[in-house]
Protein backbone atom coordinates (compact mmCIF):
# COMPACT_ATOMS: atom_id res chain seq x y z
CA UNK A 1 -2.90 -35.29 -28.87
CA UNK A 2 -6.72 -36.00 -29.46
CA UNK A 3 -6.95 -36.94 -26.01
CA UNK A 4 -6.45 -32.91 -24.89
CA UNK A 5 -9.02 -30.39 -26.33
CA UNK A 6 -6.98 -26.68 -26.33
CA UNK A 7 -8.70 -24.02 -25.05
CA UNK A 8 -6.40 -20.81 -24.26
CA UNK A 9 -2.69 -20.34 -25.56
CA UNK A 10 -1.16 -18.58 -22.79
CA UNK A 11 2.26 -17.57 -24.18
CA UNK A 12 4.67 -17.31 -27.03
CA UNK A 13 8.27 -17.84 -26.71
CA UNK A 14 11.45 -18.27 -29.03
CA UNK A 15 11.45 -22.20 -28.95
CA UNK A 16 7.73 -22.94 -28.25
CA UNK A 17 4.39 -21.99 -27.61
CA UNK A 18 2.57 -22.69 -24.09
CA UNK A 19 -1.55 -24.05 -24.18
CA UNK A 20 -3.90 -24.24 -21.71
CA UNK A 21 -5.76 -27.57 -22.89
CA UNK A 22 -8.08 -30.31 -20.84
CA UNK A 23 -7.57 -34.14 -20.75
CA UNK A 24 -11.43 -35.59 -22.13
CA UNK A 25 -11.29 -38.35 -20.27
CA UNK A 26 -10.16 -37.34 -17.04
CA UNK A 27 -11.28 -33.33 -16.88
CA UNK A 28 -8.04 -32.80 -15.72
CA UNK A 29 -6.28 -29.23 -16.92
CA UNK A 30 -2.95 -29.32 -17.90
CA UNK A 31 -0.23 -27.20 -20.00
CA UNK A 32 1.55 -27.89 -23.19
CA UNK A 33 4.26 -26.49 -24.48
CA UNK A 34 4.62 -27.38 -28.09
CA UNK A 35 7.85 -26.98 -29.74
CA UNK A 36 8.40 -25.32 -32.70
CA UNK A 37 11.33 -26.98 -33.93
CA UNK A 38 10.68 -30.36 -36.19
CA UNK A 39 11.85 -33.95 -34.70
CA UNK A 40 12.02 -36.66 -36.85
CA UNK A 41 12.66 -39.20 -34.19
CA UNK A 42 12.22 -40.07 -31.08
CA UNK A 43 16.08 -40.28 -30.29
CA UNK A 44 16.29 -36.94 -31.54
CA UNK A 45 13.83 -35.95 -28.83
CA UNK A 46 15.40 -37.82 -25.71
CA UNK A 47 18.93 -35.61 -26.36
CA UNK A 48 16.94 -32.10 -25.37
CA UNK A 49 18.17 -31.45 -21.91
CA UNK A 50 14.69 -30.08 -20.66
CA UNK A 51 13.33 -33.78 -21.02
CA UNK A 52 16.52 -35.16 -19.69
CA UNK A 53 16.31 -33.22 -16.32
CA UNK A 54 12.84 -33.55 -15.62
CA UNK A 55 12.94 -37.28 -15.89
CA UNK A 56 15.36 -37.22 -13.35
CA UNK A 57 13.92 -33.93 -11.19
CA UNK A 58 11.38 -34.99 -9.12
CA UNK A 59 10.31 -33.03 -6.34
CA UNK A 60 7.46 -31.04 -5.08
CA UNK A 61 8.75 -27.83 -5.84
CA UNK A 62 9.69 -28.65 -9.74
CA UNK A 63 7.05 -28.64 -12.43
CA UNK A 64 5.58 -32.10 -13.04
CA UNK A 65 6.33 -33.30 -16.92
CA UNK A 66 3.61 -35.70 -17.39
CA UNK A 67 3.68 -36.97 -20.89
CA UNK A 68 5.37 -36.42 -24.31
CA UNK A 69 4.05 -36.90 -27.72
CA UNK A 70 5.44 -36.46 -30.81
CA UNK A 71 2.83 -36.30 -33.77
CA UNK A 72 3.53 -35.26 -37.31
CA UNK A 73 7.26 -34.57 -36.37
CA UNK A 74 5.85 -31.84 -33.65
CA UNK A 75 6.65 -32.52 -30.40
CA UNK A 76 4.15 -31.76 -27.22
CA UNK A 77 5.39 -31.62 -23.31
CA UNK A 78 2.13 -32.05 -21.44
CA UNK A 79 3.05 -30.26 -17.65
CA UNK A 80 0.67 -30.03 -14.78
CA UNK A 81 -1.27 -27.01 -15.02
CA UNK A 82 -0.30 -24.11 -13.10
CA UNK A 83 -2.43 -20.59 -12.31
CA UNK A 84 0.28 -18.02 -12.73
CA UNK A 85 4.06 -17.56 -12.58
CA UNK A 86 5.65 -15.36 -9.94
CA UNK A 87 5.74 -11.92 -12.57
CA UNK A 88 2.48 -12.17 -13.06
CA UNK A 89 1.63 -12.95 -9.01
CA UNK A 90 3.89 -10.02 -8.25
CA UNK A 91 1.92 -7.55 -11.08
CA UNK A 92 -1.15 -7.72 -9.86
CA UNK A 93 -0.36 -7.27 -6.40
CA UNK A 94 -1.13 -3.38 -4.83
CA UNK A 95 0.49 -3.67 -1.41
CA UNK A 96 3.92 -5.25 -0.73
CA UNK A 97 3.65 -8.78 0.50
CA UNK A 98 4.41 -9.48 4.42
CA UNK A 99 7.63 -10.86 5.12
CA UNK A 100 6.20 -14.26 6.17
CA UNK A 101 5.13 -14.75 2.51
CA UNK A 102 8.33 -13.66 1.24
CA UNK A 103 10.09 -16.02 3.16
CA UNK A 104 7.66 -19.15 2.16
CA UNK A 105 7.93 -18.25 -1.80
CA UNK A 106 11.90 -18.23 -1.75
CA UNK A 107 12.06 -21.19 0.63
CA UNK A 108 9.82 -23.73 -1.86
CA UNK A 109 12.48 -21.96 -5.01
CA UNK A 110 15.67 -22.77 -3.03
CA UNK A 111 14.29 -25.80 -1.85
CA UNK A 112 13.73 -26.69 -6.16
CA UNK A 113 17.06 -25.13 -6.41
CA UNK A 114 19.16 -27.07 -3.97
CA UNK A 115 17.20 -30.43 -5.25
CA UNK A 116 18.45 -29.14 -9.25
CA UNK A 117 21.82 -28.50 -8.07
CA UNK A 118 22.09 -31.60 -5.96
CA UNK A 119 21.29 -33.73 -8.80
CA UNK A 120 24.00 -32.47 -10.75
CA UNK A 121 22.53 -30.20 -12.65
CA UNK A 122 21.97 -25.88 -12.72
CA UNK A 123 19.49 -24.16 -13.87
CA UNK A 124 20.93 -21.12 -15.87
CA UNK A 125 17.40 -19.04 -16.74
CA UNK A 126 16.55 -18.46 -12.85
CA UNK A 127 13.71 -15.39 -13.34
CA UNK A 128 10.34 -15.10 -11.78
CA UNK A 129 8.29 -16.02 -15.26
CA UNK A 130 10.20 -19.24 -14.73
CA UNK A 131 8.40 -19.60 -10.92
CA UNK A 132 4.52 -20.91 -11.31
CA UNK A 133 2.80 -20.46 -8.24
CA UNK A 134 -0.69 -22.20 -7.69
CA UNK A 135 -2.40 -21.11 -4.32
CA UNK A 136 0.61 -21.08 -1.78
CA UNK A 137 2.83 -23.51 -3.98
CA UNK A 138 5.77 -22.39 -5.90
CA UNK A 139 7.18 -24.52 -8.94
CA UNK A 140 10.29 -24.30 -10.98
CA UNK A 141 10.08 -24.55 -14.25
CA UNK A 142 11.34 -23.71 -18.09
CA UNK A 143 14.87 -26.36 -17.96
CA UNK A 144 15.66 -25.35 -21.32
CA UNK A 145 18.27 -23.87 -20.89
CA UNK A 146 19.57 -26.40 -17.93
CA UNK A 147 22.94 -28.05 -18.12
CA UNK A 148 24.86 -30.33 -16.45
CA UNK A 149 27.20 -29.22 -13.49
CA UNK A 150 30.16 -31.95 -14.45
CA UNK A 151 29.83 -30.76 -18.30
CA UNK A 152 32.77 -29.47 -20.01
CA UNK A 153 32.93 -25.66 -21.09
CA UNK A 154 32.77 -23.36 -22.17
CA UNK A 155 29.28 -22.57 -22.08
CA UNK A 156 27.41 -19.82 -24.34
CA UNK A 157 27.61 -16.19 -22.63
CA UNK A 158 23.83 -15.88 -23.17
CA UNK A 159 21.91 -17.20 -20.41
CA UNK A 160 19.20 -16.35 -18.12
CA UNK A 161 17.25 -12.67 -17.82
CA UNK A 162 19.75 -9.82 -17.82
CA UNK A 163 17.91 -8.18 -14.52
CA UNK A 164 19.25 -11.75 -13.34
CA UNK A 165 22.49 -12.41 -15.01
CA UNK A 166 24.99 -13.15 -12.72
CA UNK A 167 28.05 -10.79 -13.26
CA UNK A 168 30.39 -13.10 -14.18
CA UNK A 169 28.50 -14.29 -16.80
CA UNK A 170 27.80 -10.15 -17.90
CA UNK A 171 31.77 -10.34 -18.57
CA UNK A 172 31.74 -13.33 -21.01
CA UNK A 173 32.85 -15.43 -18.67
CA UNK A 174 33.00 -19.05 -20.77
CA UNK A 175 33.87 -21.20 -17.17
CA UNK A 176 30.48 -20.59 -14.78
CA UNK A 177 28.66 -22.84 -12.84
CA UNK A 178 25.70 -23.17 -10.07
CA UNK A 179 26.56 -19.98 -8.20
CA UNK A 180 25.10 -17.91 -10.85
CA UNK A 181 21.33 -19.37 -10.03
CA UNK A 182 22.06 -18.31 -6.40
CA UNK A 183 22.78 -14.74 -7.71
CA UNK A 184 19.29 -14.87 -9.72
CA UNK A 185 17.31 -16.31 -6.12
CA UNK A 186 19.19 -12.79 -4.63
CA UNK A 187 17.47 -10.67 -7.15
CA UNK A 188 14.29 -12.52 -7.31
CA UNK A 189 14.48 -12.41 -3.55
CA UNK A 190 14.55 -8.44 -3.63
CA UNK A 191 12.30 -8.37 -5.97
CA UNK A 192 9.73 -9.88 -3.80
CA UNK A 193 10.31 -7.22 -1.28
CA UNK A 194 9.70 -4.11 -3.29
CA UNK A 195 7.84 -5.29 -6.52
CA UNK A 196 10.43 -3.73 -8.77
CA UNK A 197 13.70 -5.25 -10.05
CA UNK A 198 16.98 -4.84 -8.32
CA UNK A 199 19.40 -4.06 -11.15
CA UNK A 200 16.79 -3.22 -14.51
CA UNK A 201 19.97 -2.51 -16.66
CA UNK A 202 19.13 -1.76 -20.27
CA UNK A 203 22.52 -3.03 -21.28
CA UNK A 204 25.00 -5.25 -20.19
CA UNK A 205 27.35 -2.68 -19.40
CA UNK A 206 24.09 -0.89 -17.77
CA UNK A 207 23.59 -3.86 -16.11
CA UNK A 208 26.80 -3.64 -14.64
CA UNK A 209 26.78 -0.19 -13.90
CA UNK A 210 23.23 -0.75 -12.06
CA UNK A 211 25.01 -3.78 -9.84
CA UNK A 212 28.24 -1.16 -8.79
CA UNK A 213 25.47 1.34 -7.60
CA UNK A 214 24.10 -1.05 -5.38
CA UNK A 215 27.10 -3.17 -4.07
CA UNK A 216 30.08 -0.63 -4.61
CA UNK A 217 33.20 -1.24 -6.80
CA UNK A 218 34.73 -4.48 -6.00
CA UNK A 219 38.39 -4.54 -5.03
CA UNK A 220 40.85 -6.65 -6.42
CA UNK A 221 41.05 -8.70 -3.12
CA UNK A 222 37.06 -9.12 -3.54
CA UNK A 223 37.04 -10.52 -6.70
CA UNK A 224 40.66 -11.36 -8.91
CA UNK A 225 39.14 -13.14 -11.47
CA UNK A 226 36.36 -10.33 -12.39
CA UNK A 227 39.21 -8.10 -13.10
CA UNK A 228 41.05 -10.42 -15.28
CA UNK A 229 37.64 -10.85 -17.03
CA UNK A 230 37.08 -7.22 -17.67
CA UNK A 231 40.54 -6.44 -18.58
CA UNK A 232 39.92 -8.86 -21.31
CA UNK A 233 37.04 -7.22 -22.55
CA UNK A 234 38.51 -3.34 -22.21
CA UNK A 235 35.78 -2.96 -19.33
CA UNK A 236 36.34 -0.90 -16.20
CA UNK A 237 34.10 -0.99 -13.24
CA UNK A 238 32.22 2.54 -12.87
CA UNK A 239 33.20 4.03 -9.27
CA UNK A 240 30.57 3.58 -6.53
CA UNK A 241 30.56 3.37 -3.13
CA UNK A 242 28.27 0.75 -1.54
CA UNK A 243 24.35 1.28 -1.08
CA UNK A 244 23.31 0.00 2.41
CA UNK A 245 20.67 -2.19 1.10
CA UNK A 246 18.21 -1.69 4.18
CA UNK A 247 17.60 1.27 2.06
CA UNK A 248 16.55 -0.20 -1.09
CA UNK A 249 15.07 -3.02 0.42
CA UNK A 250 13.72 -1.47 3.75
CA UNK A 251 10.62 -4.09 4.07
CA UNK A 252 13.30 -7.41 4.89
CA UNK A 253 14.59 -7.54 8.52
CA UNK A 254 18.18 -8.04 8.86
CA UNK A 255 18.53 -11.82 8.79
CA UNK A 256 17.01 -11.28 4.81
CA UNK A 257 19.31 -8.39 4.44
CA UNK A 258 22.49 -10.73 5.19
CA UNK A 259 21.02 -13.33 3.24
CA UNK A 260 20.65 -11.33 0.52
CA UNK A 261 24.14 -10.16 0.68
CA UNK A 262 25.45 -13.67 0.71
CA UNK A 263 23.61 -14.58 -2.19
CA UNK A 264 25.13 -11.58 -4.00
CA UNK A 265 28.71 -11.87 -3.81
CA UNK A 266 30.52 -10.32 -6.67
CA UNK A 267 33.18 -13.68 -6.56
CA UNK A 268 31.18 -16.76 -7.54
CA UNK A 269 33.46 -19.02 -5.32
CA UNK A 270 32.36 -17.00 -2.10
CA UNK A 271 28.51 -16.94 -2.90
CA UNK A 272 26.46 -18.87 -0.37
CA UNK A 273 25.58 -22.65 -1.16
CA UNK A 274 21.75 -23.64 -1.29
CA UNK A 275 22.43 -25.57 1.55
CA UNK A 276 23.89 -23.26 3.67
CA UNK A 277 20.99 -21.25 2.72
CA UNK A 278 18.23 -23.69 3.81
CA UNK A 279 19.90 -24.16 7.58
CA UNK A 280 20.42 -20.29 7.41
CA UNK A 281 18.44 -18.06 10.62
CA UNK A 282 16.36 -16.47 8.10
CA UNK A 283 14.17 -19.54 7.69
CA UNK A 284 14.17 -20.75 11.10
CA UNK A 285 11.15 -21.32 12.98
CA UNK A 286 12.23 -18.34 15.43
CA UNK A 287 11.82 -15.81 12.71
CA UNK A 288 8.86 -16.94 11.17
CA UNK A 289 6.90 -15.06 14.06
CA UNK A 290 6.88 -11.27 14.04
CA UNK A 291 8.15 -9.80 16.90
CA UNK A 292 5.14 -7.84 18.72
CA UNK A 293 5.69 -4.19 19.59
CA UNK A 294 5.76 -3.36 22.90
CA UNK A 295 4.57 -0.03 22.84
CA UNK A 296 1.27 -1.16 20.86
CA UNK A 297 0.38 -3.74 23.10
CA UNK A 298 -2.65 -2.80 25.83
CA UNK A 299 -2.31 -3.20 29.49
CA UNK A 300 -3.60 -6.78 30.13
CA UNK A 301 -5.88 -7.59 33.46
CA UNK A 302 -4.41 -9.53 35.99
CA UNK A 303 -5.25 -13.41 36.04
CA UNK A 304 -7.79 -14.77 37.51
CA UNK A 305 -5.85 -16.04 40.76
CA UNK A 306 -4.25 -12.32 41.06
CA UNK A 307 -7.27 -10.69 41.03
CA UNK A 308 -8.69 -13.17 43.59
CA UNK A 309 -5.51 -12.69 45.11
CA UNK A 310 -6.48 -8.99 45.50
CA UNK A 311 -9.79 -9.51 46.39
CA UNK A 312 -8.86 -11.58 49.35
CA UNK A 313 -6.10 -9.04 50.60
CA UNK A 314 -8.96 -6.10 49.92
CA UNK A 315 -11.44 -7.99 52.27
CA UNK A 316 -8.95 -8.79 54.93
CA UNK A 317 -8.50 -4.97 55.12
CA UNK A 318 -12.08 -4.24 55.69
CA UNK A 319 -12.50 -6.66 58.13
CA UNK A 320 -9.47 -5.04 60.22
CA UNK A 321 -10.42 -1.88 59.69
CA UNK A 322 -14.27 -1.48 60.43
CA UNK A 323 -14.30 2.06 61.30
CA UNK A 324 -12.79 3.23 57.62
CA UNK A 325 -15.60 4.33 55.96
CA UNK A 326 -16.52 2.93 52.04
CA UNK A 327 -14.50 4.44 49.31
CA UNK A 328 -16.41 6.69 46.86
CA UNK A 329 -16.27 5.33 43.23
CA UNK A 330 -17.27 9.04 41.82
CA UNK A 331 -15.65 12.88 42.61
CA UNK A 332 -12.75 13.96 43.32
CA UNK A 333 -11.60 11.48 45.85
CA UNK A 334 -13.31 8.16 43.89
CA UNK A 335 -11.39 9.40 40.54
CA UNK A 336 -7.91 9.55 42.29
CA UNK A 337 -8.58 6.17 43.87
CA UNK A 338 -9.86 4.54 40.96
CA UNK A 339 -7.23 5.79 38.16
CA UNK A 340 -6.29 3.05 35.75
CA UNK A 341 -3.29 5.53 34.46
CA UNK A 342 -1.16 4.18 37.34
CA UNK A 343 -1.69 0.57 36.25
CA UNK A 344 0.01 1.23 32.63
CA UNK A 345 3.47 -0.17 32.42
CA UNK A 346 6.20 1.86 30.77
CA UNK A 347 6.05 2.26 27.06
CA UNK A 348 2.57 0.58 26.80
CA UNK A 349 0.16 3.66 26.34
CA UNK A 350 -2.50 2.81 23.92
CA UNK A 351 -2.63 5.95 22.01
CA UNK A 352 1.13 6.84 21.91
CA UNK A 353 4.39 5.23 21.50
CA UNK A 354 5.57 7.62 24.06
CA UNK A 355 5.92 6.57 27.94
CA UNK A 356 3.27 8.00 29.57
CA UNK A 357 4.39 10.75 32.35
CA UNK A 358 3.85 9.19 35.67
CA UNK A 359 0.96 10.48 37.88
CA UNK A 360 0.48 10.20 41.34
CA UNK A 361 -1.27 6.95 42.69
CA UNK A 362 -3.09 6.40 46.30
CA UNK A 363 -1.46 2.79 46.29
CA UNK A 364 2.21 4.05 46.03
CA UNK A 365 3.83 2.59 42.78
CA UNK A 366 1.94 0.20 41.24
CA UNK A 367 3.80 -2.23 39.36
CA UNK A 368 7.11 -1.03 40.45
CA UNK A 369 9.50 -2.59 43.01
CA UNK A 370 6.91 -3.00 45.31
CA UNK A 371 5.72 -5.60 42.52
CA UNK A 372 9.29 -7.04 41.81
CA UNK A 373 8.90 -9.68 44.95
CA UNK A 374 6.91 -12.87 45.30
CA UNK A 375 3.21 -11.60 45.30
CA UNK A 376 1.71 -11.95 41.92
CA UNK A 377 -0.89 -9.10 42.55
CA UNK A 378 -0.88 -5.33 43.38
CA UNK A 379 0.80 -4.69 46.75
CA UNK A 380 -1.85 -2.31 48.72
CA UNK A 381 -0.03 -0.43 51.36
CA UNK A 382 -1.09 -1.20 54.89
CA UNK A 383 -4.35 1.21 56.52
CA UNK A 384 -2.33 3.62 58.98
CA UNK A 385 -4.60 4.55 61.91
CA UNK A 386 -5.87 8.09 61.84
CA UNK A 387 -3.68 9.50 64.54
CA UNK A 388 -0.92 8.29 63.54
CA UNK A 389 1.62 11.20 61.96
CA UNK A 390 3.83 11.20 59.04
CA UNK A 391 7.61 10.91 59.27
CA UNK A 392 9.87 13.49 59.93
CA UNK A 393 10.79 14.14 56.27
CA UNK A 394 7.75 16.74 55.84
CA UNK A 395 5.82 14.54 53.12
CA UNK A 396 2.56 12.80 53.77
CA UNK A 397 3.06 8.70 53.43
CA UNK A 398 0.52 6.98 50.85
CA UNK A 399 -1.42 5.34 54.12
CA UNK A 400 -1.57 9.16 55.34
CA UNK A 401 -3.04 10.41 52.00
CA UNK A 402 -5.31 7.21 51.65
CA UNK A 403 -6.88 7.81 54.98
CA UNK A 404 -7.41 11.49 54.33
CA UNK A 405 -9.32 10.70 50.79
CA UNK A 406 -11.03 7.97 52.54
CA UNK A 407 -12.79 10.41 55.36
CA UNK A 408 -15.03 11.63 52.42
CA UNK A 409 -18.64 10.42 52.15
CA UNK A 410 -20.71 10.27 49.09
CA UNK A 411 -23.00 13.30 48.97
CA UNK A 412 -20.82 15.44 51.05
CA UNK A 413 -18.89 18.46 49.34
CA UNK A 414 -15.53 17.17 47.91
CA UNK A 415 -13.96 20.36 47.67
CA UNK A 416 -12.83 22.51 50.92
CA UNK A 417 -14.94 25.41 52.17
CA UNK A 418 -14.21 29.21 50.99
CA UNK A 419 -12.44 31.18 54.42
CA UNK A 420 -14.92 33.68 56.18
CA UNK A 421 -13.27 37.15 56.02
CA UNK A 422 -14.54 39.79 58.11
CA UNK A 423 -17.63 38.42 59.80
CA UNK A 424 -18.57 39.20 63.28
CA UNK A 425 -19.14 36.66 66.13
CA UNK A 426 -22.86 34.90 66.09
CA UNK A 427 -23.51 36.40 62.68
CA UNK A 428 -24.87 33.75 59.95
CA UNK A 429 -23.70 33.90 56.89
CA UNK A 430 -25.70 34.41 53.46
CA UNK A 431 -25.33 33.27 49.73
CA UNK A 432 -21.85 34.41 48.50
CA UNK A 433 -20.49 34.98 52.31
CA UNK A 434 -22.85 37.86 52.82
CA UNK A 435 -23.93 38.23 56.66
CA UNK A 436 -27.82 37.19 56.86
CA UNK A 437 -29.95 35.53 58.73
CA UNK A 438 -30.34 32.38 57.20
CA UNK A 439 -28.50 29.65 59.56
CA UNK A 440 -27.16 27.71 56.49
CA UNK A 441 -26.23 27.07 52.86
CA UNK A 442 -25.69 24.15 50.49
CA UNK A 443 -25.95 21.28 52.92
CA UNK A 444 -23.36 22.64 54.91
CA UNK A 445 -23.87 22.11 59.19
CA UNK A 446 -25.16 25.18 60.60
CA UNK A 447 -23.00 27.22 62.82
CA UNK A 448 -23.43 26.97 66.78
CA UNK A 449 -26.19 29.00 68.33
CA UNK A 450 -27.71 30.05 65.13
CA UNK A 451 -31.40 29.63 64.53
CA UNK A 452 -32.18 26.89 61.77
CA UNK A 453 -34.02 28.50 58.35
CA UNK A 454 -37.11 26.99 57.59
CA UNK A 455 -37.05 24.83 54.56
CA UNK A 456 -40.21 25.95 52.96
CA UNK A 457 -41.54 29.41 52.20
CA UNK A 458 -44.52 30.86 54.73
CA UNK A 459 -48.16 30.62 53.43
CA UNK A 460 -49.87 33.99 52.37
CA UNK A 461 -51.67 35.42 55.08
CA UNK A 462 -49.52 33.81 57.41
CA UNK A 463 -46.77 35.08 60.17
CA UNK A 464 -44.57 37.78 58.34
CA UNK A 465 -41.83 36.00 57.14
CA UNK A 466 -38.11 36.30 58.31
CA UNK A 467 -35.22 35.99 57.06
CA UNK A 468 -33.34 36.47 53.35
CA UNK A 469 -35.54 33.69 51.66
CA UNK A 470 -38.92 35.02 53.58
CA UNK A 471 -38.23 38.64 52.83
CA UNK A 472 -37.54 37.92 49.18
CA UNK A 473 -40.79 35.99 49.40
CA UNK A 474 -42.77 38.47 50.25
CA UNK A 475 -41.62 41.12 48.12
CA UNK A 476 -42.30 38.86 45.30
CA UNK A 477 -45.93 38.18 46.63
CA UNK A 478 -46.77 41.19 47.09
């Protein structure tokens, strides 16, 4: 121990304390587990299950035992140093973990459990405190209660922390095996989503009560051995209907819910194995990418090839129809022609999830059946001659409407003129439709046969002004 400098006590438990230390020669940080029991020989030390199991279980997701030191009848186990355990990691969280992070943690955890089971051991003390985290790496630790799968029962009935204890152990079964680790992994997975324990029982009976309140009361067909165990200790299952796990763990997707239900089966013989868990669709690469919500996507501009194709179509139309005036980009006609709302696809409105109401477009049904063919861009309807009449259906075709709006020129009045009521022939109109001697207003062409009004006021001392504006100016100038 002289080679290590102890800097901090990380924790104190029933069987020993954990210290943080630094190697004086290399500067490497380690975690040293100091056992409270005295060991007077190396043979006694080598009989420890934790040492025996960790010497055989070498895996990237299992904490590495670096050295065993016996000094003054005290035993020290030197492990690689990890930043925190999973309980501390969850406790420090403010927001829930994203599903991708939960999936990553559970995959590493189950890789470690699979390696343990594959090499003939089961952990018996799966809980967040025994999962160490450093960066994005998760490692399984504390093999003090580990047993060999082939070991002969009976086993002790006090294993693992109560909240993660399998129901067969809660019913005092002395014959249990590796499925109890699977049950604990199901509870840990649910806790990673909600940051709260799934079954926080205050006692063994309360633990069974909380399990029944979530999974529902088991039936004789579901778990016949469970009813035998309950009868031996005089326990009666509380009556509950199952609660949907989707309502308890709403952050999980369907594959995650299905996997948790498979791990939390009442009958240990029906619980899913670690080999099948690692090949479950929940861990497949296709489920790693979150499905994008179509209603949250912004409309995409056409590709460069599509834009060039649209530009070539528009250029060809201008060449074939030189008499059609240029389209305005502002005003009533311009707003209608260049309105982008017609280009949204259904369900793709950026501000709301609702489908925007269809609005009329001078180009017809943009993005609809007209574009379902081989064309990659927008299919503009062909321009029709101005003298062509619409079909006999009584509705104007899109081409006719397009030509009607194209006849407006920039600077012209876009709204139709008000009708003239009660005007005598050959009488010019004044402001507001009142009869006047002026010849026009607002840039509108004057009526035929009427004298044109002068654009400027007459000079002082000149001829007597005539017309509405002239008379008004004369009165003002005296």
